[in-house]
C-alpha atoms as a PDB file:
ATOM      1  CA  ARG A   1     161.922 118.758  32.827  1.00  0.00           C
ATOM      2  CA  ALA A   2     162.076 117.812  28.680  1.00  0.00           C
ATOM      3  CA  GLN A   3     165.210 117.819  26.707  1.00  0.00           C
ATOM      4  CA  GLY A   4     166.749 118.152  23.976  1.00  0.00           C
ATOM      5  CA  ALA A   5     168.735 115.301  21.636  1.00  0.00           C
ATOM      6  CA  GLN A   6     171.603 116.836  23.084  1.00  0.00           C
ATOM      7  CA  GLY A   7     171.027 116.885  26.425  1.00  0.00           C
ATOM      8  CA  GLN A   8     169.814 120.537  26.409  1.00  0.00           C
ATOM      9  CA  ASP A   9     167.041 121.526  29.095  1.00  0.00           C
ATOM     10  CA  LEU A  10     163.837 123.019  27.183  1.00  0.00           C
ATOM     11  CA  PRO A  11     162.826 126.238  29.271  1.00  0.00           C
ATOM     12  CA  THR A  12     160.557 125.430  32.184  1.00  0.00           C
ATOM     13  CA  TRP A  13     157.765 127.873  31.542  1.00  0.00           C
ATOM     14  CA  TYR A  14     157.709 126.298  28.046  1.00  0.00           C
ATOM     15  CA  VAL A  15     157.145 122.836  28.936  1.00  0.00           C
ATOM     16  CA  LEU A  16     154.614 123.927  31.702  1.00  0.00           C
ATOM     17  CA  LEU A  17     152.668 125.946  29.073  1.00  0.00           C
ATOM     18  CA  ALA A  18     152.330 122.631  26.733  1.00  0.00           C
ATOM     19  CA  ARG A  19     151.199 121.122  29.757  1.00  0.00           C
ATOM     20  CA  GLU A  20     148.455 123.203  30.789  1.00  0.00           C
ATOM     21  CA  ARG A  21     147.098 123.321  27.225  1.00  0.00           C
ATOM     22  CA  LEU A  22     146.955 120.205  27.264  1.00  0.00           C
ATOM     23  CA  ASN A  23     145.727 119.494  30.658  1.00  0.00           C
ATOM     24  CA  MET A  24     147.108 116.013  30.864  1.00  0.00           C
ATOM     25  CA  ASP A  25     149.742 114.027  33.405  1.00  0.00           C
ATOM     26  CA  VAL A  26     152.958 113.856  31.971  1.00  0.00           C
ATOM     27  CA  ASP A  27     154.448 111.013  34.000  1.00  0.00           C
ATOM     28  CA  THR A  28     154.638 107.395  32.944  1.00  0.00           C
ATOM     29  CA  GLN A  29     154.792 104.561  35.287  1.00  0.00           C
ATOM     30  CA  ASP A  30     158.384 103.667  33.867  1.00  0.00           C
ATOM     31  CA  GLY A  31     159.451 106.885  34.082  1.00  0.00           C
ATOM     32  CA  ARG A  32     160.118 107.600  30.438  1.00  0.00           C
ATOM     33  CA  SER A  33     159.027 110.526  28.381  1.00  0.00           C
ATOM     34  CA  ASP A  34     155.352 109.810  26.927  1.00  0.00           C
ATOM     35  CA  PRO A  35     154.369 111.867  24.040  1.00  0.00           C
ATOM     36  CA  SER A  36     150.382 111.037  24.262  1.00  0.00           C
ATOM     37  CA  ALA A  37     150.777 112.715  27.966  1.00  0.00           C
ATOM     38  CA  GLY A  38     151.970 116.231  26.833  1.00  0.00           C
ATOM     39  CA  GLU A  39     155.922 115.681  27.110  1.00  0.00           C
ATOM     40  CA  LEU A  40     157.909 117.029  24.653  1.00  0.00           C
ATOM     41  CA  VAL A  41     160.330 113.587  23.538  1.00  0.00           C
ATOM     42  CA  ASP A  42     163.389 113.448  21.376  1.00  0.00           C
ATOM     43  CA  VAL A  43     163.747 117.080  20.458  1.00  0.00           C
ATOM     44  CA  PRO A  44     165.946 117.274  17.359  1.00  0.00           C
ATOM     45  CA  GLU A  45     168.796 119.957  17.328  1.00  0.00           C
ATOM     46  CA  ALA A  46     167.693 121.916  14.469  1.00  0.00           C
ATOM     47  CA  CYS A  47     163.957 121.922  15.198  1.00  0.00           C
ATOM     48  CA  PRO A  48     162.045 124.624  13.335  1.00  0.00           C
ATOM     49  CA  GLY A  49     159.726 124.887  16.153  1.00  0.00           C
ATOM     50  CA  GLY A  50     160.493 126.261  19.973  1.00  0.00           C
ATOM     51  CA  PRO A  51     159.745 129.278  21.896  1.00  0.00           C
ATOM     52  CA  GLY A  52     158.347 132.229  19.678  1.00  0.00           C
ATOM     53  CA  SER A  53     158.449 130.115  16.229  1.00  0.00           C
ATOM     54  CA  GLU A  54     155.767 130.591  14.131  1.00  0.00           C
ATOM     55  CA  LEU A  55     156.600 127.376  12.371  1.00  0.00           C
ATOM     56  CA  ALA A  56     156.058 124.981  15.911  1.00  0.00           C
ATOM     57  CA  GLY A  57     154.354 122.241  14.453  1.00  0.00           C
ATOM     58  CA  LYS A  58     153.634 123.787  10.930  1.00  0.00           C
ATOM     59  CA  ALA A  59     156.522 123.146   9.292  1.00  0.00           C
ATOM     60  CA  ALA A  60     157.199 120.429   6.797  1.00  0.00           C
ATOM     61  CA  ALA A  61     160.205 119.137   8.921  1.00  0.00           C
ATOM     62  CA  CYS A  62     157.328 118.276  11.814  1.00  0.00           C
ATOM     63  CA  ALA A  63     155.617 115.911   9.797  1.00  0.00           C
ATOM     64  CA  GLY A  64     155.675 112.601  11.834  1.00  0.00           C
ATOM     65  CA  CYS A  65     157.290 114.370  14.973  1.00  0.00           C
ATOM     66  CA  PRO A  66     155.833 113.159  18.198  1.00  0.00           C
ATOM     67  CA  ASN A  67     155.626 116.669  19.220  1.00  0.00           C
ATOM     68  CA  LYS A  68     153.802 118.002  16.635  1.00  0.00           C
ATOM     69  CA  ASP A  69     150.641 118.502  18.085  1.00  0.00           C
ATOM     70  CA  ILE A  70     152.019 120.140  21.525  1.00  0.00           C
ATOM     71  CA  CYS A  71     153.828 123.060  19.606  1.00  0.00           C
ATOM     72  CA  ALA A  72     151.097 123.732  17.326  1.00  0.00           C
ATOM     73  CA  ALA A  73     148.992 124.249  20.299  1.00  0.00           C
ATOM     74  CA  SER A  74     151.100 126.431  22.485  1.00  0.00           C
ATOM     75  CA  GLN A  75     153.164 128.998  20.498  1.00  0.00           C
ATOM     76  CA  PRO A  76     154.623 131.482  23.211  1.00  0.00           C
ATOM     77  CA  VAL A  77     155.656 134.329  21.794  1.00  0.00           C
ATOM     78  CA  GLY A  78     158.222 135.551  24.981  1.00  0.00           C
ATOM     79  CA  PRO A  79     158.229 135.944  28.338  1.00  0.00           C
ATOM     80  CA  ASP A  80     155.308 137.093  30.498  1.00  0.00           C
ATOM     81  CA  PRO A  81     155.708 141.091  30.640  1.00  0.00           C
ATOM     82  CA  ASP A  82     153.439 140.544  34.048  1.00  0.00           C
ATOM     83  CA  LEU A  83     155.786 138.409  35.835  1.00  0.00           C
ATOM     84  CA  PRO A  84     158.517 140.468  36.877  1.00  0.00           C
ATOM     85  CA  LEU A  85     155.776 142.694  38.376  1.00  0.00           C
ATOM     86  CA  ILE A  86     154.448 139.681  40.511  1.00  0.00           C
ATOM     87  CA  GLU A  87     157.906 139.136  41.254  1.00  0.00           C
ATOM     88  CA  ARG A  88     158.341 142.372  43.065  1.00  0.00           C
ATOM     89  CA  ARG A  89     154.846 142.062  44.883  1.00  0.00           C
ATOM     90  CA  MET A  90     155.677 138.658  45.996  1.00  0.00           C
ATOM     91  CA  ALA A  91     159.370 139.345  46.990  1.00  0.00           C
ATOM     92  CA  MET A  92     157.726 141.523  49.801  1.00  0.00           C
ATOM     93  CA  ILE A  93     155.785 138.437  51.106  1.00  0.00           C
ATOM     94  CA  LYS A  94     158.172 136.475  53.612  1.00  0.00           C
ATOM     95  CA  HIS A  95     156.202 133.350  53.548  1.00  0.00           C
ATOM     96  CA  LYS A  96     153.279 131.652  51.454  1.00  0.00           C
ATOM     97  CA  ILE A  97     151.258 129.249  52.168  1.00  0.00           C
ATOM     98  CA  LEU A  98     148.744 127.340  50.144  1.00  0.00           C
ATOM     99  CA  VAL A  99     145.538 125.531  51.798  1.00  0.00           C
ATOM    100  CA  LEU A 100     144.249 122.728  49.388  1.00  0.00           C
ATOM    101  CA  SER A 101     141.941 119.829  49.814  1.00  0.00           C
ATOM    102  CA  GLY A 102     141.029 117.634  46.848  1.00  0.00           C
ATOM    103  CA  LYS A 103     137.698 117.452  48.081  1.00  0.00           C
ATOM    104  CA  GLY A 104     134.805 120.117  48.484  1.00  0.00           C
ATOM    105  CA  GLY A 105     133.074 120.805  51.737  1.00  0.00           C
ATOM    106  CA  VAL A 106     136.052 119.597  54.215  1.00  0.00           C
ATOM    107  CA  GLY A 107     136.349 123.118  55.674  1.00  0.00           C
ATOM    108  CA  LYS A 108     139.168 124.461  53.571  1.00  0.00           C
ATOM    109  CA  SER A 109     137.829 128.153  54.015  1.00  0.00           C
ATOM    110  CA  THR A 110     136.967 127.898  57.648  1.00  0.00           C
ATOM    111  CA  VAL A 111     140.876 126.424  58.219  1.00  0.00           C
ATOM    112  CA  SER A 112     142.144 129.458  56.371  1.00  0.00           C
ATOM    113  CA  ALA A 113     140.162 131.929  58.096  1.00  0.00           C
ATOM    114  CA  GLN A 114     141.104 130.395  61.556  1.00  0.00           C
ATOM    115  CA  LEU A 115     144.430 129.909  60.595  1.00  0.00           C
ATOM    116  CA  SER A 116     145.041 133.696  59.379  1.00  0.00           C
ATOM    117  CA  TYR A 117     143.526 134.678  62.571  1.00  0.00           C
ATOM    118  CA  ALA A 118     145.802 132.748  64.894  1.00  0.00           C
ATOM    119  CA  LEU A 119     148.674 133.783  62.718  1.00  0.00           C
ATOM    120  CA  SER A 120     147.917 137.880  63.231  1.00  0.00           C
ATOM    121  CA  ALA A 121     147.207 137.254  67.139  1.00  0.00           C
ATOM    122  CA  ASP A 122     150.819 138.111  67.359  1.00  0.00           C
ATOM    123  CA  PRO A 123     150.586 141.761  66.679  1.00  0.00           C
ATOM    124  CA  ASP A 124     154.359 141.978  65.071  1.00  0.00           C
ATOM    125  CA  CYS A 125     153.077 139.277  62.696  1.00  0.00           C
ATOM    126  CA  GLN A 126     151.287 140.887  59.272  1.00  0.00           C
ATOM    127  CA  VAL A 127     149.211 138.338  57.696  1.00  0.00           C
ATOM    128  CA  GLY A 128     147.197 138.691  54.306  1.00  0.00           C
ATOM    129  CA  LEU A 129     144.473 135.930  53.223  1.00  0.00           C
ATOM    130  CA  MET A 130     144.065 135.675  49.392  1.00  0.00           C
ATOM    131  CA  ASP A 131     140.502 133.785  48.557  1.00  0.00           C
ATOM    132  CA  VAL A 132     141.050 132.418  44.753  1.00  0.00           C
ATOM    133  CA  ASP A 133     137.868 130.198  45.517  1.00  0.00           C
ATOM    134  CA  ILE A 134     136.441 132.148  42.114  1.00  0.00           C
ATOM    135  CA  CYS A 135     133.271 130.418  42.004  1.00  0.00           C
ATOM    136  CA  GLY A 136     132.626 130.119  45.824  1.00  0.00           C
ATOM    137  CA  PRO A 137     134.309 132.962  47.278  1.00  0.00           C
ATOM    138  CA  SER A 138     132.932 132.503  51.273  1.00  0.00           C
ATOM    139  CA  ILE A 139     136.116 134.530  52.844  1.00  0.00           C
ATOM    140  CA  PRO A 140     134.302 137.589  52.972  1.00  0.00           C
ATOM    141  CA  LYS A 141     131.921 136.238  54.886  1.00  0.00           C
ATOM    142  CA  ILE A 142     133.860 133.809  57.206  1.00  0.00           C
ATOM    143  CA  MET A 143     135.730 137.372  58.149  1.00  0.00           C
ATOM    144  CA  GLY A 144     132.911 139.565  58.682  1.00  0.00           C
ATOM    145  CA  LEU A 145     133.877 141.836  55.418  1.00  0.00           C
ATOM    146  CA  GLU A 146     130.664 141.169  52.786  1.00  0.00           C
ATOM    147  CA  GLY A 147     129.593 144.807  51.185  1.00  0.00           C
ATOM    148  CA  GLU A 148     133.064 146.028  51.312  1.00  0.00           C
ATOM    149  CA  ASN A 149     134.943 147.191  48.172  1.00  0.00           C
ATOM    150  CA  VAL A 150     138.224 147.264  46.970  1.00  0.00           C
ATOM    151  CA  HIS A 151     139.992 150.550  46.700  1.00  0.00           C
ATOM    152  CA  ARG A 152     142.429 150.822  43.520  1.00  0.00           C
ATOM    153  CA  SER A 153     145.316 153.370  43.470  1.00  0.00           C
ATOM    154  CA  SER A 154     148.082 154.237  41.384  1.00  0.00           C
ATOM    155  CA  SER A 155     150.388 151.791  43.637  1.00  0.00           C
ATOM    156  CA  GLY A 156     147.595 148.672  42.776  1.00  0.00           C
ATOM    157  CA  TRP A 157     144.651 147.412  44.543  1.00  0.00           C
ATOM    158  CA  SER A 158     144.496 147.535  48.669  1.00  0.00           C
ATOM    159  CA  PRO A 159     143.248 144.586  50.454  1.00  0.00           C
ATOM    160  CA  VAL A 160     140.606 144.891  52.732  1.00  0.00           C
ATOM    161  CA  PHE A 161     141.802 144.679  56.351  1.00  0.00           C
ATOM    162  CA  VAL A 162     139.654 143.163  59.190  1.00  0.00           C
ATOM    163  CA  GLU A 163     142.356 144.052  61.846  1.00  0.00           C
ATOM    164  CA  ASP A 164     145.871 146.505  61.320  1.00  0.00           C
ATOM    165  CA  ASN A 165     147.548 143.290  60.398  1.00  0.00           C
ATOM    166  CA  LEU A 166     145.177 141.220  58.861  1.00  0.00           C
ATOM    167  CA  ALA A 167     144.618 141.884  55.199  1.00  0.00           C
ATOM    168  CA  VAL A 168     142.004 140.550  52.777  1.00  0.00           C
ATOM    169  CA  MET A 169     141.466 139.739  49.137  1.00  0.00           C
ATOM    170  CA  SER A 170     138.637 138.082  47.668  1.00  0.00           C
ATOM    171  CA  VAL A 171     136.485 137.934  43.906  1.00  0.00           C
ATOM    172  CA  GLY A 172     133.599 138.210  46.395  1.00  0.00           C
ATOM    173  CA  PHE A 173     134.419 142.091  46.795  1.00  0.00           C
ATOM    174  CA  LEU A 174     134.341 142.301  43.139  1.00  0.00           C
ATOM    175  CA  LEU A 175     130.727 141.087  42.487  1.00  0.00           C
ATOM    176  CA  PRO A 176     127.717 143.195  42.776  1.00  0.00           C
ATOM    177  CA  SER A 177     126.016 140.662  45.016  1.00  0.00           C
ATOM    178  CA  THR A 178     126.301 137.804  47.326  1.00  0.00           C
ATOM    179  CA  THR A 179     124.428 135.781  45.339  1.00  0.00           C
ATOM    180  CA  SER A 180     125.846 136.782  41.552  1.00  0.00           C
ATOM    181  CA  ALA A 181     127.072 133.472  40.139  1.00  0.00           C
ATOM    182  CA  VAL A 182     130.812 133.637  38.644  1.00  0.00           C
ATOM    183  CA  ILE A 183     130.394 131.944  35.419  1.00  0.00           C
ATOM    184  CA  TRP A 184     133.740 131.815  33.941  1.00  0.00           C
ATOM    185  CA  ARG A 185     136.395 129.834  31.815  1.00  0.00           C
ATOM    186  CA  GLY A 186     139.737 129.094  32.870  1.00  0.00           C
ATOM    187  CA  PRO A 187     141.941 131.593  31.173  1.00  0.00           C
ATOM    188  CA  LYS A 188     139.518 134.183  32.730  1.00  0.00           C
ATOM    189  CA  LYS A 189     140.130 132.737  36.493  1.00  0.00           C
ATOM    190  CA  ASN A 190     144.025 132.262  35.891  1.00  0.00           C
ATOM    191  CA  GLY A 191     143.579 136.203  34.536  1.00  0.00           C
ATOM    192  CA  LEU A 192     142.109 137.282  37.682  1.00  0.00           C
ATOM    193  CA  ILE A 193     144.461 135.293  40.085  1.00  0.00           C
ATOM    194  CA  LYS A 194     147.470 136.981  38.229  1.00  0.00           C
ATOM    195  CA  GLN A 195     145.935 140.285  38.676  1.00  0.00           C
ATOM    196  CA  PHE A 196     145.487 139.646  42.252  1.00  0.00           C
ATOM    197  CA  LEU A 197     149.513 138.725  42.481  1.00  0.00           C
ATOM    198  CA  LYS A 198     150.429 141.732  40.571  1.00  0.00           C
ATOM    199  CA  ASP A 199     148.118 144.449  41.720  1.00  0.00           C
ATOM    200  CA  VAL A 200     147.248 143.914  45.344  1.00  0.00           C
ATOM    201  CA  GLU A 201     149.460 145.890  47.062  1.00  0.00           C
ATOM    202  CA  TRP A 202     149.759 143.468  50.148  1.00  0.00           C
ATOM    203  CA  GLY A 203     153.358 145.798  51.309  1.00  0.00           C
ATOM    204  CA  GLU A 204     155.581 144.056  53.721  1.00  0.00           C
ATOM    205  CA  THR A 205     153.748 140.659  54.831  1.00  0.00           C
ATOM    206  CA  ASP A 206     155.052 137.851  56.851  1.00  0.00           C
ATOM    207  CA  TYR A 207     152.342 135.378  55.632  1.00  0.00           C
ATOM    208  CA  LEU A 208     150.305 135.381  52.875  1.00  0.00           C
ATOM    209  CA  VAL A 209     147.596 132.414  53.328  1.00  0.00           C
ATOM    210  CA  VAL A 210     145.843 131.376  49.921  1.00  0.00           C
ATOM    211  CA  ASP A 211     142.242 129.698  50.231  1.00  0.00           C
ATOM    212  CA  THR A 212     141.895 127.224  46.934  1.00  0.00           C
ATOM    213  CA  PRO A 213     139.311 125.745  45.392  1.00  0.00           C
ATOM    214  CA  PRO A 214     139.364 122.010  45.732  1.00  0.00           C
ATOM    215  CA  GLY A 215     140.982 119.864  43.082  1.00  0.00           C
ATOM    216  CA  THR A 216     143.936 120.166  40.799  1.00  0.00           C
ATOM    217  CA  SER A 217     143.299 122.397  38.085  1.00  0.00           C
ATOM    218  CA  ASP A 218     143.772 125.633  36.170  1.00  0.00           C
ATOM    219  CA  GLU A 219     143.377 128.021  39.438  1.00  0.00           C
ATOM    220  CA  HIS A 220     145.963 125.626  41.066  1.00  0.00           C
ATOM    221  CA  LEU A 221     148.750 125.310  37.925  1.00  0.00           C
ATOM    222  CA  SER A 222     148.529 128.729  37.764  1.00  0.00           C
ATOM    223  CA  LEU A 223     149.138 129.805  41.882  1.00  0.00           C
ATOM    224  CA  VAL A 224     152.242 127.401  41.552  1.00  0.00           C
ATOM    225  CA  GLN A 225     153.574 128.721  38.299  1.00  0.00           C
ATOM    226  CA  TYR A 226     153.142 132.460  39.448  1.00  0.00           C
ATOM    227  CA  LEU A 227     154.350 132.009  43.198  1.00  0.00           C
ATOM    228  CA  ASP A 228     157.384 130.554  41.921  1.00  0.00           C
ATOM    229  CA  VAL A 229     158.650 133.469  39.789  1.00  0.00           C
ATOM    230  CA  GLY A 230     158.378 135.675  43.114  1.00  0.00           C
ATOM    231  CA  GLY A 231     160.267 133.178  45.401  1.00  0.00           C
ATOM    232  CA  ARG A 232     159.618 129.732  46.534  1.00  0.00           C
ATOM    233  CA  ILE A 233     156.476 128.764  47.917  1.00  0.00           C
ATOM    234  CA  ASP A 234     156.953 127.758  51.595  1.00  0.00           C
ATOM    235  CA  GLY A 235     154.663 125.220  51.186  1.00  0.00           C
ATOM    236  CA  ALA A 236     150.902 123.607  51.315  1.00  0.00           C
ATOM    237  CA  VAL A 237     148.392 122.959  54.203  1.00  0.00           C
ATOM    238  CA  ILE A 238     146.001 120.226  52.810  1.00  0.00           C
ATOM    239  CA  VAL A 239     142.774 119.862  54.893  1.00  0.00           C
ATOM    240  CA  THR A 240     140.681 116.418  54.807  1.00  0.00           C
ATOM    241  CA  THR A 241     137.846 114.703  57.036  1.00  0.00           C
ATOM    242  CA  PRO A 242     138.401 111.686  58.369  1.00  0.00           C
ATOM    243  CA  GLN A 243     136.360 109.284  56.169  1.00  0.00           C
ATOM    244  CA  GLU A 244     137.624 107.282  53.036  1.00  0.00           C
ATOM    245  CA  VAL A 245     135.443 109.325  50.506  1.00  0.00           C
ATOM    246  CA  SER A 246     137.355 112.274  51.297  1.00  0.00           C
ATOM    247  CA  LEU A 247     141.051 110.873  51.802  1.00  0.00           C
ATOM    248  CA  MET A 248     140.798 109.087  48.596  1.00  0.00           C
ATOM    249  CA  ASP A 249     140.983 112.657  47.082  1.00  0.00           C
ATOM    250  CA  VAL A 250     143.277 114.048  49.078  1.00  0.00           C
ATOM    251  CA  ARG A 251     145.587 111.757  48.042  1.00  0.00           C
ATOM    252  CA  LYS A 252     145.131 113.102  44.683  1.00  0.00           C
ATOM    253  CA  GLU A 253     146.164 116.487  45.930  1.00  0.00           C
ATOM    254  CA  ILE A 254     149.228 115.149  47.524  1.00  0.00           C
ATOM    255  CA  ASN A 255     150.484 113.419  44.399  1.00  0.00           C
ATOM    256  CA  PHE A 256     149.502 116.742  42.554  1.00  0.00           C
ATOM    257  CA  CYS A 257     152.161 118.730  45.209  1.00  0.00           C
ATOM    258  CA  LYS A 258     154.636 116.125  44.689  1.00  0.00           C
ATOM    259  CA  LYS A 259     154.785 116.690  41.006  1.00  0.00           C
ATOM    260  CA  VAL A 260     154.756 120.373  40.648  1.00  0.00           C
ATOM    261  CA  GLY A 261     157.066 120.418  43.592  1.00  0.00           C
ATOM    262  CA  VAL A 262     155.031 122.155  46.108  1.00  0.00           C
ATOM    263  CA  ARG A 263     156.283 121.377  49.753  1.00  0.00           C
ATOM    264  CA  ILE A 264     153.962 119.483  51.986  1.00  0.00           C
ATOM    265  CA  LEU A 265     153.660 121.607  55.110  1.00  0.00           C
ATOM    266  CA  GLY A 266     151.263 118.388  56.786  1.00  0.00           C
ATOM    267  CA  VAL A 267     147.713 117.607  56.755  1.00  0.00           C
ATOM    268  CA  VAL A 268     145.038 118.641  58.949  1.00  0.00           C
ATOM    269  CA  GLU A 269     142.169 116.399  60.012  1.00  0.00           C
ATOM    270  CA  ASN A 270     138.911 118.577  60.019  1.00  0.00           C
ATOM    271  CA  MET A 271     135.544 117.581  61.667  1.00  0.00           C
ATOM    272  CA  SER A 272     137.395 114.935  63.809  1.00  0.00           C
ATOM    273  CA  GLY A 273     134.612 114.046  66.241  1.00  0.00           C
ATOM    274  CA  PHE A 274     132.289 116.298  67.995  1.00  0.00           C
ATOM    275  CA  VAL A 275     132.364 118.458  70.943  1.00  0.00           C
ATOM    276  CA  CYS A 276     129.709 119.316  72.991  1.00  0.00           C
ATOM    277  CA  PRO A 277     129.194 122.718  74.014  1.00  0.00           C
ATOM    278  CA  LYS A 278     127.994 121.750  77.142  1.00  0.00           C
ATOM    279  CA  CYS A 279     130.304 119.437  78.615  1.00  0.00           C
ATOM    280  CA  ASP A 280     133.518 119.285  75.811  1.00  0.00           C
ATOM    281  CA  LYS A 281     132.879 116.057  75.322  1.00  0.00           C
ATOM    282  CA  CYS A 282     134.097 114.565  72.190  1.00  0.00           C
ATOM    283  CA  SER A 283     132.297 111.687  70.090  1.00  0.00           C
ATOM    284  CA  THR A 284     133.202 110.415  66.617  1.00  0.00           C
ATOM    285  CA  ILE A 285     130.583 111.480  64.333  1.00  0.00           C
ATOM    286  CA  PHE A 286     132.670 110.575  60.626  1.00  0.00           C
ATOM    287  CA  ALA A 287     134.071 107.360  61.563  1.00  0.00           C
ATOM    288  CA  PRO A 288     137.716 106.755  59.950  1.00  0.00           C
ATOM    289  CA  SER A 289     137.366 103.543  58.413  1.00  0.00           C
ATOM    290  CA  THR A 290     140.571 103.294  56.578  1.00  0.00           C
ATOM    291  CA  GLY A 291     142.572 104.950  59.799  1.00  0.00           C
ATOM    292  CA  GLY A 292     141.896 108.469  59.126  1.00  0.00           C
ATOM    293  CA  ALA A 293     144.318 111.403  58.138  1.00  0.00           C
ATOM    294  CA  LYS A 294     147.147 110.244  60.581  1.00  0.00           C
ATOM    295  CA  LYS A 295     147.400 107.086  58.758  1.00  0.00           C
ATOM    296  CA  MET A 296     147.339 108.224  55.297  1.00  0.00           C
ATOM    297  CA  CYS A 297     150.355 110.183  56.456  1.00  0.00           C
ATOM    298  CA  GLU A 298     151.955 107.576  57.939  1.00  0.00           C
ATOM    299  CA  ASP A 299     151.706 105.361  54.724  1.00  0.00           C
ATOM    300  CA  MET A 300     152.516 108.553  52.454  1.00  0.00           C
ATOM    301  CA  SER A 301     155.703 109.760  54.649  1.00  0.00           C
ATOM    302  CA  ILE A 302     153.709 113.197  54.956  1.00  0.00           C
ATOM    303  CA  PRO A 303     153.488 115.245  58.164  1.00  0.00           C
ATOM    304  CA  PHE A 304     150.601 115.150  60.284  1.00  0.00           C
ATOM    305  CA  LEU A 305     149.797 118.683  61.803  1.00  0.00           C
ATOM    306  CA  GLY A 306     146.635 117.308  63.804  1.00  0.00           C
ATOM    307  CA  SER A 307     142.779 116.846  64.174  1.00  0.00           C
ATOM    308  CA  ILE A 308     140.354 119.704  64.631  1.00  0.00           C
ATOM    309  CA  PRO A 309     136.900 118.620  66.568  1.00  0.00           C
ATOM    310  CA  ILE A 310     133.545 119.638  65.307  1.00  0.00           C
ATOM    311  CA  ASP A 311     132.141 122.293  67.194  1.00  0.00           C
ATOM    312  CA  PRO A 312     129.009 124.052  66.935  1.00  0.00           C
ATOM    313  CA  ARG A 313     130.189 127.192  67.591  1.00  0.00           C
ATOM    314  CA  ILE A 314     132.639 127.208  64.694  1.00  0.00           C
ATOM    315  CA  GLY A 315     129.838 127.635  62.526  1.00  0.00           C
ATOM    316  CA  LYS A 316     128.244 130.274  64.152  1.00  0.00           C
ATOM    317  CA  ALA A 317     131.205 132.309  64.336  1.00  0.00           C
ATOM    318  CA  CYS A 318     131.810 131.837  60.534  1.00  0.00           C
ATOM    319  CA  ASP A 319     128.006 132.933  59.978  1.00  0.00           C
ATOM    320  CA  GLU A 320     128.726 135.910  62.242  1.00  0.00           C
ATOM    321  CA  GLY A 321     131.744 136.968  60.473  1.00  0.00           C
ATOM    322  CA  LYS A 322     133.992 136.453  64.037  1.00  0.00           C
ATOM    323  CA  SER A 323     137.335 134.784  64.798  1.00  0.00           C
ATOM    324  CA  PHE A 324     136.602 131.453  66.636  1.00  0.00           C
ATOM    325  CA  VAL A 325     139.568 131.213  68.246  1.00  0.00           C
ATOM    326  CA  ASP A 326     139.339 134.570  70.160  1.00  0.00           C
ATOM    327  CA  GLU A 327     135.305 134.172  70.737  1.00  0.00           C
ATOM    328  CA  VAL A 328     135.582 130.383  72.434  1.00  0.00           C
ATOM    329  CA  PRO A 329     139.403 130.351  73.561  1.00  0.00           C
ATOM    330  CA  GLU A 330     138.126 127.687  75.824  1.00  0.00           C
ATOM    331  CA  SER A 331     137.095 124.709  73.073  1.00  0.00           C
ATOM    332  CA  PRO A 332     139.130 121.904  72.361  1.00  0.00           C
ATOM    333  CA  ALA A 333     138.755 123.080  68.661  1.00  0.00           C
ATOM    334  CA  THR A 334     140.451 126.412  69.700  1.00  0.00           C
ATOM    335  CA  LYS A 335     143.564 124.142  71.287  1.00  0.00           C
ATOM    336  CA  ALA A 336     143.535 122.299  67.943  1.00  0.00           C
ATOM    337  CA  TYR A 337     144.039 125.582  65.878  1.00  0.00           C
ATOM    338  CA  ILE A 338     146.753 126.910  67.797  1.00  0.00           C
ATOM    339  CA  ASP A 339     148.550 123.827  67.948  1.00  0.00           C
ATOM    340  CA  ILE A 340     148.439 123.454  64.239  1.00  0.00           C
ATOM    341  CA  THR A 341     149.182 126.876  63.708  1.00  0.00           C
ATOM    342  CA  LYS A 342     152.609 126.489  66.115  1.00  0.00           C
ATOM    343  CA  ARG A 343     153.648 123.776  63.799  1.00  0.00           C
ATOM    344  CA  ILE A 344     152.479 125.441  60.741  1.00  0.00           C
ATOM    345  CA  ARG A 345     154.809 128.734  61.891  1.00  0.00           C
ATOM    346  CA  GLU A 346     157.809 126.037  62.339  1.00  0.00           C
ATOM    347  CA  ALA A 347     157.631 124.057  59.349  1.00  0.00           C
ATOM    348  CA  ALA A 348     157.146 127.111  57.201  1.00  0.00           C
ATOM    349  CA  SER A 349     160.363 128.320  58.630  1.00  0.00           C
ATOM    350  CA  LYS A 350     162.624 125.385  57.834  1.00  0.00           C
END
């Protein structure tokens, strides 16, 4: 948090907006403020800038100030009027869980879908699955909802229901066809995420699982900022595969969570070995050359939720829009999903 010359705190949303606009890291190795990294430093008590000021970064007194460029680039005019709407919607959701991955192609959407199915196996548990992978929305296909439309009413957008207690929202429902490309810049993506959070009528929900795109960019910052308005985010589930090429990006995702204050519920190692559908014997496909996700979790002092082996029937279930945990209950992968879901529920409740 940035502070003025007298030690007063600047508004969190003001600092976050400046950071987001500059898209820069705000920490230095020695822990001191760094104006080149986008953090407001040494703010004078009589600063002509600040939230809502048209003179921010432009007044004569701003010459030579290390914050000049930050203030000129970010001129908030007041609190976002949509935030109270988001707060009211999110207040009806008990637990909010982000599913993240630093690397694409690790099975994050598959894990999100099967986690949602496993949570909804409890008939008394209301589950929502929100797909904010805007450029690659695969949740409608995985959940067997291709071709479905979102219904709009005076109370908001109605999500699409897979079961009575499992609702889904995805940008895929808004596209004219499954082959339509989404070619949007950051602000438009952020606008859609905000609309999902303020307009979708989830109702009383026990768990909202949010499937995110890979990386640590606009969508992730927006989610953290907006979800924090409606109460704390219960935590993030980070998905990886055993090999180092995936783990090196997952470490960045872990550090992202630590910097923005999102609790890490744990790491899931997906595609951890191959299970033969005939004999259920497991063979290593992606060798954990640096010890895999479990070793990484030990080194970084974060929870390890478990490993999910490759089972060809997972891909088949996803292509057919069916629940793998229901279709193949005897698979070791199903047992892994159920165990991991149990650990996530326990961690989210703490």
